[in-house]
C-alpha cells in the first residue's frame, strides 16, 4: 500500500479488506454448495470447484481493493486537511475526482466549514484591532489633558476646559465598554429578552427627552407623529435601539434642522421610522452601515465608536423584527424598524 497512508490506516484497511474477502468467499462457497445439493449445477470435480473458488476469491479481492482505494484515499486527504486546519491554516480546500456523492458532499461541507472558520478568525482579529484603536484614542486624550492639568500656572478657564475634555472622553470610554458588553452578550446568546407589555410611543418620547442635550445644542426640532401603541417586547433592549437611532439622526443633521419621527400600528406589527435631512449616504455605505466599527463619514468619527447601529440590528433581529435603511447622497437617511406586537 502507498506510504502516504499511516500504519494505523493500513491496518484498518487490511482488516476491512480481509473481512470483505472472507465474507464473500464464504457466501460464494455456501451458494455453490447449496446449488450442488439441489442439483442445479452439474457435478464438478474437487479441483474444478477449488479453481472456481480461487478465481472468485481473486476477483472479489481485486474489487475490494479498488473499492477500498476509492473510499480510503479521499478520507486520507480529508484527514491531512483537517490537521492543517487544526494548526490554524484556513487557506486550504479539498477536492477529489470521486464520483461517490457521499464523498463529494463531505468535501463540500468541509470546505464550507473552513471558509466559515477563516471568516470568523478574520473578524476576531479585526475586532481586537478596532477595539484597541477605539480605546487608545480617548485614553490618549485623557492622558494628554491630565498632563496639562499638572501645570499650576494654568489659567482657570483652560483648566475647566481640560476637565470637560477629560469627562467627555471618559464618557466615550464608558459608552464603548457598555456597547461592547451588550453586543457580546447578544451575539453569544447570553442575553435573553424579558418580555413585558408597555407603551412604545411613551418609550420613544422618553428617549427623545434623554437626548435633549444633543439636539438642543444644535437647535434641532422634531416632527413627531406617534400613535398610541401597546406592545409586548423587551423594554430594556429597545431603549438602546431608539437612543442609537435618534443619536445617529442628530449627529448627521445640520443645525436648526428637523428630524421626522413616525410610529404606526398595524394588525400584526408596529412600524417606527426616523428620518433626518442630513448628508445621506450612497449604496456602498448602506451595504456596511450595520457592520461593527464601520464609520463612513470621518468628519463625525469623534462622535461615535461604530458599534451603535450594529447593536441596533442585533437587538431588532433578536426581538424577531426587521430594520431597513433608505438613503441617498444629500437626501437624508430613513431608518425603519418593524416589530411584532
Protein backbone atom coordinates (compact mmCIF):
# COMPACT_ATOMS: atom_id res chain seq x y z
CA UNK A 1 0.00 0.00 0.00
CA UNK A 2 1.12 3.60 -0.66
CA UNK A 3 3.42 5.06 2.03
CA UNK A 4 1.19 8.11 2.30
CA UNK A 5 -1.17 6.07 4.49
CA UNK A 6 -0.37 5.89 8.19
CA UNK A 7 0.37 2.46 9.78
CA UNK A 8 -2.91 2.56 11.66
CA UNK A 9 -4.80 3.40 8.48
CA UNK A 10 -3.15 0.49 6.66
CA UNK A 11 -4.08 -1.91 9.46
CA UNK A 12 -7.70 -0.76 9.35
CA UNK A 13 -7.71 -1.04 5.60
CA UNK A 14 -6.38 -4.62 5.53
CA UNK A 15 -8.71 -5.71 8.31
CA UNK A 16 -11.69 -4.41 6.36
CA UNK A 17 -10.39 -5.95 3.14
CA UNK A 18 -9.80 -9.32 4.84
CA UNK A 19 -13.30 -9.27 6.30
CA UNK A 20 -14.84 -8.49 2.91
CA UNK A 21 -12.85 -11.27 1.19
CA UNK A 22 -13.64 -13.89 3.83
CA UNK A 23 -17.30 -12.92 3.89
CA UNK A 24 -17.53 -13.03 0.09
CA UNK A 25 -15.63 -16.34 -0.07
CA UNK A 26 -17.96 -17.89 2.49
CA UNK A 27 -21.01 -16.59 0.64
CA UNK A 28 -19.81 -17.97 -2.72
CA UNK A 29 -18.84 -21.35 -1.25
CA UNK A 30 -22.14 -21.68 0.59
CA UNK A 31 -24.08 -20.76 -2.53
CA UNK A 32 -22.24 -23.30 -4.69
CA UNK A 33 -22.68 -26.00 -2.03
CA UNK A 34 -26.41 -25.30 -1.80
CA UNK A 35 -26.83 -25.31 -5.58
CA UNK A 36 -24.88 -28.54 -5.81
CA UNK A 37 -27.07 -30.23 -3.18
CA UNK A 38 -30.16 -29.14 -5.06
CA UNK A 39 -28.76 -30.50 -8.29
CA UNK A 40 -28.94 -27.12 -10.01
CA UNK A 41 -25.36 -27.26 -11.24
CA UNK A 42 -23.60 -30.19 -12.94
CA UNK A 43 -21.31 -32.44 -10.91
CA UNK A 44 -17.86 -30.87 -10.77
CA UNK A 45 -14.58 -32.35 -9.67
CA UNK A 46 -12.95 -31.10 -6.48
CA UNK A 47 -10.12 -29.46 -8.41
CA UNK A 48 -12.61 -27.61 -10.60
CA UNK A 49 -14.51 -26.34 -7.57
CA UNK A 50 -11.30 -25.18 -5.94
CA UNK A 51 -10.28 -23.40 -9.15
CA UNK A 52 -13.64 -21.64 -9.39
CA UNK A 53 -13.45 -20.59 -5.77
CA UNK A 54 -9.90 -19.33 -6.24
CA UNK A 55 -10.93 -17.25 -9.28
CA UNK A 56 -13.90 -15.90 -7.34
CA UNK A 57 -11.69 -15.04 -4.37
CA UNK A 58 -9.13 -13.22 -6.52
CA UNK A 59 -11.87 -11.30 -8.33
CA UNK A 60 -13.51 -10.31 -5.07
CA UNK A 61 -10.14 -9.29 -3.61
CA UNK A 62 -9.37 -7.04 -6.57
CA UNK A 63 -12.81 -5.47 -6.45
CA UNK A 64 -12.48 -4.91 -2.71
CA UNK A 65 -9.04 -3.37 -3.13
CA UNK A 66 -10.13 -0.83 -5.74
CA UNK A 67 -13.34 -0.06 -3.87
CA UNK A 68 -11.34 0.46 -0.69
CA UNK A 69 -8.95 2.76 -2.53
CA UNK A 70 -11.84 4.90 -3.78
CA UNK A 71 -13.14 5.30 -0.24
CA UNK A 72 -9.88 5.41 1.71
CA UNK A 73 -7.92 7.84 -0.48
CA UNK A 74 -10.40 10.72 -0.07
CA UNK A 75 -10.55 10.11 3.68
CA UNK A 76 -6.75 10.30 3.92
CA UNK A 77 -6.83 13.57 2.00
CA UNK A 78 -9.52 14.88 4.34
CA UNK A 79 -7.52 13.79 7.39
CA UNK A 80 -4.44 15.71 6.22
CA UNK A 81 -6.51 18.81 5.50
CA UNK A 82 -8.10 18.61 8.97
CA UNK A 83 -4.64 18.59 10.56
CA UNK A 84 -3.74 21.76 8.66
CA UNK A 85 -6.93 23.47 9.82
CA UNK A 86 -6.17 22.43 13.41
CA UNK A 87 -2.84 24.28 13.04
CA UNK A 88 -4.69 27.46 12.06
CA UNK A 89 -4.20 27.19 8.29
CA UNK A 90 -7.57 28.17 6.80
CA UNK A 91 -6.23 28.73 3.27
CA UNK A 92 -6.91 25.16 2.30
CA UNK A 93 -9.54 23.35 0.28
CA UNK A 94 -10.01 19.69 -0.58
CA UNK A 95 -11.19 18.25 -3.88
CA UNK A 96 -11.46 14.78 -5.32
CA UNK A 97 -12.43 13.19 -8.61
CA UNK A 98 -14.50 10.57 -6.80
CA UNK A 99 -17.97 10.09 -8.22
CA UNK A 100 -19.32 8.98 -4.86
CA UNK A 101 -21.94 11.52 -3.83
CA UNK A 102 -21.19 10.97 -0.14
CA UNK A 103 -17.52 11.83 -0.64
CA UNK A 104 -18.31 14.95 -2.67
CA UNK A 105 -20.85 16.09 -0.08
CA UNK A 106 -18.33 15.58 2.74
CA UNK A 107 -15.69 17.59 0.87
CA UNK A 108 -18.15 20.43 0.13
CA UNK A 109 -19.17 20.60 3.78
CA UNK A 110 -15.53 20.59 4.87
CA UNK A 111 -14.64 23.44 2.51
CA UNK A 112 -17.67 25.44 3.70
CA UNK A 113 -16.63 24.89 7.32
CA UNK A 114 -13.05 26.05 6.65
CA UNK A 115 -14.33 29.15 4.85
CA UNK A 116 -16.55 30.00 7.81
CA UNK A 117 -13.68 29.45 10.26
CA UNK A 118 -11.47 31.74 8.17
CA UNK A 119 -14.18 34.40 8.22
CA UNK A 120 -14.60 34.11 12.00
CA UNK A 121 -10.83 34.30 12.50
CA UNK A 122 -10.58 37.43 10.36
CA UNK A 123 -13.50 39.08 12.15
CA UNK A 124 -11.96 38.25 15.51
CA UNK A 125 -8.62 39.79 14.53
CA UNK A 126 -10.31 42.89 13.13
CA UNK A 127 -12.45 43.20 16.26
CA UNK A 128 -9.41 43.16 18.55
CA UNK A 129 -7.61 45.70 16.37
CA UNK A 130 -10.63 48.00 16.23
CA UNK A 131 -11.33 47.76 19.97
CA UNK A 132 -7.69 48.55 20.72
CA UNK A 133 -7.84 51.61 18.47
CA UNK A 134 -11.14 52.83 19.94
CA UNK A 135 -9.75 52.53 23.47
CA UNK A 136 -6.44 54.16 22.58
CA UNK A 137 -7.93 57.38 21.19
CA UNK A 138 -9.83 58.58 24.30
CA UNK A 139 -7.17 57.23 26.66
CA UNK A 140 -4.50 59.23 24.84
CA UNK A 141 -6.68 62.34 25.08
CA UNK A 142 -7.29 61.81 28.80
CA UNK A 143 -3.57 61.34 29.43
CA UNK A 144 -2.72 64.48 27.47
CA UNK A 145 -5.24 66.72 29.25
CA UNK A 146 -4.33 65.24 32.66
CA UNK A 147 -0.68 66.11 31.97
CA UNK A 148 -1.63 69.69 31.10
CA UNK A 149 -3.63 70.00 34.32
CA UNK A 150 -0.45 69.41 36.33
CA UNK A 151 0.72 72.89 35.35
CA UNK A 152 -0.01 75.03 38.42
CA UNK A 153 0.15 78.25 36.38
CA UNK A 154 -2.67 77.11 34.09
CA UNK A 155 -5.46 79.73 33.82
CA UNK A 156 -8.74 78.71 35.45
CA UNK A 157 -10.74 78.84 32.21
CA UNK A 158 -8.29 76.50 30.46
CA UNK A 159 -8.29 74.19 33.48
CA UNK A 160 -12.10 73.96 33.31
CA UNK A 161 -11.91 73.26 29.57
CA UNK A 162 -9.43 70.40 30.06
CA UNK A 163 -11.54 68.89 32.83
CA UNK A 164 -14.52 68.99 30.46
CA UNK A 165 -12.45 67.22 27.78
CA UNK A 166 -11.45 64.51 30.25
CA UNK A 167 -15.07 63.98 31.28
CA UNK A 168 -16.12 63.81 27.61
CA UNK A 169 -13.53 61.15 26.76
CA UNK A 170 -14.38 59.24 29.94
CA UNK A 171 -17.99 59.17 28.75
CA UNK A 172 -16.80 57.85 25.38
CA UNK A 173 -14.96 55.01 27.11
CA UNK A 174 -17.97 54.18 29.27
CA UNK A 175 -20.22 54.11 26.22
CA UNK A 176 -17.74 51.95 24.30
CA UNK A 177 -17.43 49.40 27.10
CA UNK A 178 -21.20 49.28 27.55
CA UNK A 179 -21.82 48.74 23.83
CA UNK A 180 -19.15 46.04 23.59
CA UNK A 181 -20.56 44.14 26.57
CA UNK A 182 -24.15 44.38 25.33
CA UNK A 183 -23.23 43.37 21.78
CA UNK A 184 -21.10 40.49 23.04
CA UNK A 185 -23.95 39.14 25.18
CA UNK A 186 -26.40 39.37 22.29
CA UNK A 187 -24.07 37.66 19.81
CA UNK A 188 -23.27 34.83 22.24
CA UNK A 189 -26.96 34.35 23.09
CA UNK A 190 -26.27 35.16 26.76
CA UNK A 191 -28.83 37.96 26.84
CA UNK A 192 -32.38 36.62 26.96
CA UNK A 193 -35.11 39.22 26.25
CA UNK A 194 -37.52 39.89 29.12
CA UNK A 195 -40.92 40.48 27.52
CA UNK A 196 -43.42 42.85 29.14
CA UNK A 197 -46.38 44.98 27.98
CA UNK A 198 -45.63 48.70 27.70
CA UNK A 199 -46.47 51.84 25.73
CA UNK A 200 -44.00 52.07 22.86
CA UNK A 201 -44.88 55.67 21.97
CA UNK A 202 -44.12 56.77 25.54
CA UNK A 203 -40.77 54.99 25.49
CA UNK A 204 -39.78 56.77 22.27
CA UNK A 205 -40.76 60.15 23.74
CA UNK A 206 -38.64 59.42 26.80
CA UNK A 207 -35.69 58.56 24.53
CA UNK A 208 -36.04 61.96 22.83
CA UNK A 209 -36.03 63.71 26.22
CA UNK A 210 -32.93 61.74 27.30
CA UNK A 211 -31.03 63.18 24.32
CA UNK A 212 -32.16 66.79 24.82
CA UNK A 213 -28.59 67.98 25.41
CA UNK A 214 -27.54 66.67 21.98
CA UNK A 215 -30.38 68.04 19.86
CA UNK A 216 -30.87 71.17 21.97
CA UNK A 217 -27.28 72.33 21.42
CA UNK A 218 -27.81 72.12 17.64
CA UNK A 219 -31.23 73.77 17.63
CA UNK A 220 -32.83 70.64 16.18
CA UNK A 221 -36.61 70.14 16.42
CA UNK A 222 -38.79 67.07 15.89
CA UNK A 223 -41.83 66.50 13.71
CA UNK A 224 -43.28 63.56 15.63
CA UNK A 225 -46.48 61.68 14.81
CA UNK A 226 -46.61 58.76 17.23
CA UNK A 227 -49.71 56.62 17.51
CA UNK A 228 -50.60 55.24 20.92
CA UNK A 229 -49.20 51.69 20.76
CA UNK A 230 -49.19 48.93 23.36
CA UNK A 231 -46.54 46.30 22.62
CA UNK A 232 -45.25 43.10 24.18
CA UNK A 233 -41.46 43.21 23.85
CA UNK A 234 -38.23 43.78 25.77
CA UNK A 235 -38.35 47.34 27.08
CA UNK A 236 -34.74 47.44 28.32
CA UNK A 237 -33.29 46.36 24.96
CA UNK A 238 -35.47 48.65 22.85
CA UNK A 239 -34.15 51.68 24.76
CA UNK A 240 -30.78 51.02 23.06
CA UNK A 241 -32.50 50.90 19.65
CA UNK A 242 -34.27 54.26 19.97
CA UNK A 243 -31.39 56.15 21.59
CA UNK A 244 -28.90 54.94 18.98
CA UNK A 245 -31.17 55.70 16.01
CA UNK A 246 -32.02 59.14 17.41
CA UNK A 247 -28.37 59.91 18.23
CA UNK A 248 -27.40 58.90 14.71
CA UNK A 249 -30.04 61.20 13.20
CA UNK A 250 -28.95 64.09 15.44
CA UNK A 251 -25.29 63.55 14.59
CA UNK A 252 -25.87 63.82 10.83
CA UNK A 253 -28.42 66.64 10.98
CA UNK A 254 -27.45 70.24 10.37
CA UNK A 255 -28.09 72.93 12.96
CA UNK A 256 -31.69 74.18 13.15
CA UNK A 257 -32.97 71.25 11.07
CA UNK A 258 -35.93 68.91 11.64
CA UNK A 259 -36.00 65.17 12.35
CA UNK A 260 -39.17 63.28 11.42
CA UNK A 261 -40.50 60.56 13.73
CA UNK A 262 -43.40 58.25 12.84
CA UNK A 263 -44.95 55.37 14.76
CA UNK A 264 -47.77 53.39 13.16
CA UNK A 265 -49.68 50.41 14.47
CA UNK A 266 -50.79 47.64 12.13
CA UNK A 267 -52.62 44.38 12.73
CA UNK A 268 -49.60 42.18 13.50
CA UNK A 269 -46.78 44.69 13.89
CA UNK A 270 -45.70 48.24 14.64
CA UNK A 271 -43.55 50.40 12.36
CA UNK A 272 -41.26 53.15 13.62
CA UNK A 273 -39.36 55.44 11.24
CA UNK A 274 -36.81 58.14 11.97
CA UNK A 275 -35.73 60.41 9.13
CA UNK A 276 -33.05 63.06 9.12
CA UNK A 277 -32.36 65.60 6.37
CA UNK A 278 -28.59 65.36 6.56
CA UNK A 279 -25.84 64.33 4.17
CA UNK A 280 -27.27 60.88 3.38
CA UNK A 281 -25.15 58.00 2.10
CA UNK A 282 -24.52 56.06 -1.08
CA UNK A 283 -25.25 52.36 -1.72
CA UNK A 284 -21.72 51.28 -0.74
CA UNK A 285 -22.07 52.84 2.70
CA UNK A 286 -25.54 51.34 3.15
CA UNK A 287 -24.09 47.89 2.49
CA UNK A 288 -21.77 48.20 5.51
CA UNK A 289 -23.75 50.53 7.76
CA UNK A 290 -24.57 47.73 10.25
CA UNK A 291 -21.02 46.34 10.37
CA UNK A 292 -19.17 46.65 13.67
CA UNK A 293 -16.83 49.67 13.89
CA UNK A 294 -17.85 50.88 10.43
CA UNK A 295 -17.81 54.68 10.18
CA UNK A 296 -18.17 56.16 6.72
CA UNK A 297 -18.10 59.88 7.50
CA UNK A 298 -14.75 60.64 9.13
CA UNK A 299 -15.87 64.18 9.97
CA UNK A 300 -18.22 62.68 12.58
CA UNK A 301 -15.88 59.92 13.75
CA UNK A 302 -15.14 61.53 17.09
CA UNK A 303 -18.85 61.43 17.95
CA UNK A 304 -19.23 57.63 17.95
CA UNK A 305 -17.48 54.28 18.07
CA UNK A 306 -19.13 52.43 15.18
CA UNK A 307 -20.96 49.93 17.38
CA UNK A 308 -24.36 51.59 17.77
CA UNK A 309 -26.06 50.54 14.53
CA UNK A 310 -24.57 47.05 14.69
CA UNK A 311 -26.06 46.66 18.17
CA UNK A 312 -29.40 48.05 16.94
CA UNK A 313 -29.59 45.45 14.18
CA UNK A 314 -28.74 42.59 16.55
CA UNK A 315 -31.37 43.70 19.07
CA UNK A 316 -34.10 44.13 16.46
CA UNK A 317 -33.40 40.69 15.00
CA UNK A 318 -33.24 39.16 18.49
CA UNK A 319 -36.76 40.52 19.06
CA UNK A 320 -37.84 38.94 15.73
CA UNK A 321 -38.08 42.29 14.00
CA UNK A 322 -36.63 43.87 10.86
CA UNK A 323 -34.64 47.06 10.35
CA UNK A 324 -34.37 48.78 6.97
CA UNK A 325 -32.47 51.81 5.73
CA UNK A 326 -33.19 54.16 2.82
CA UNK A 327 -30.79 56.90 1.83
CA UNK A 328 -29.14 58.81 -0.97
CA UNK A 329 -26.33 61.38 -1.01
CA UNK A 330 -27.57 64.81 0.13
CA UNK A 331 -31.11 63.42 0.55
CA UNK A 332 -31.05 62.42 4.21
CA UNK A 333 -31.50 58.97 5.72
CA UNK A 334 -34.52 57.00 6.91
CA UNK A 335 -34.33 54.04 9.30
CA UNK A 336 -37.42 51.85 9.58
CA UNK A 337 -37.93 49.36 12.42
CA UNK A 338 -40.70 46.76 12.16
CA UNK A 339 -41.53 44.85 15.35
CA UNK A 340 -44.14 42.20 16.10
CA UNK A 341 -46.79 43.17 18.63
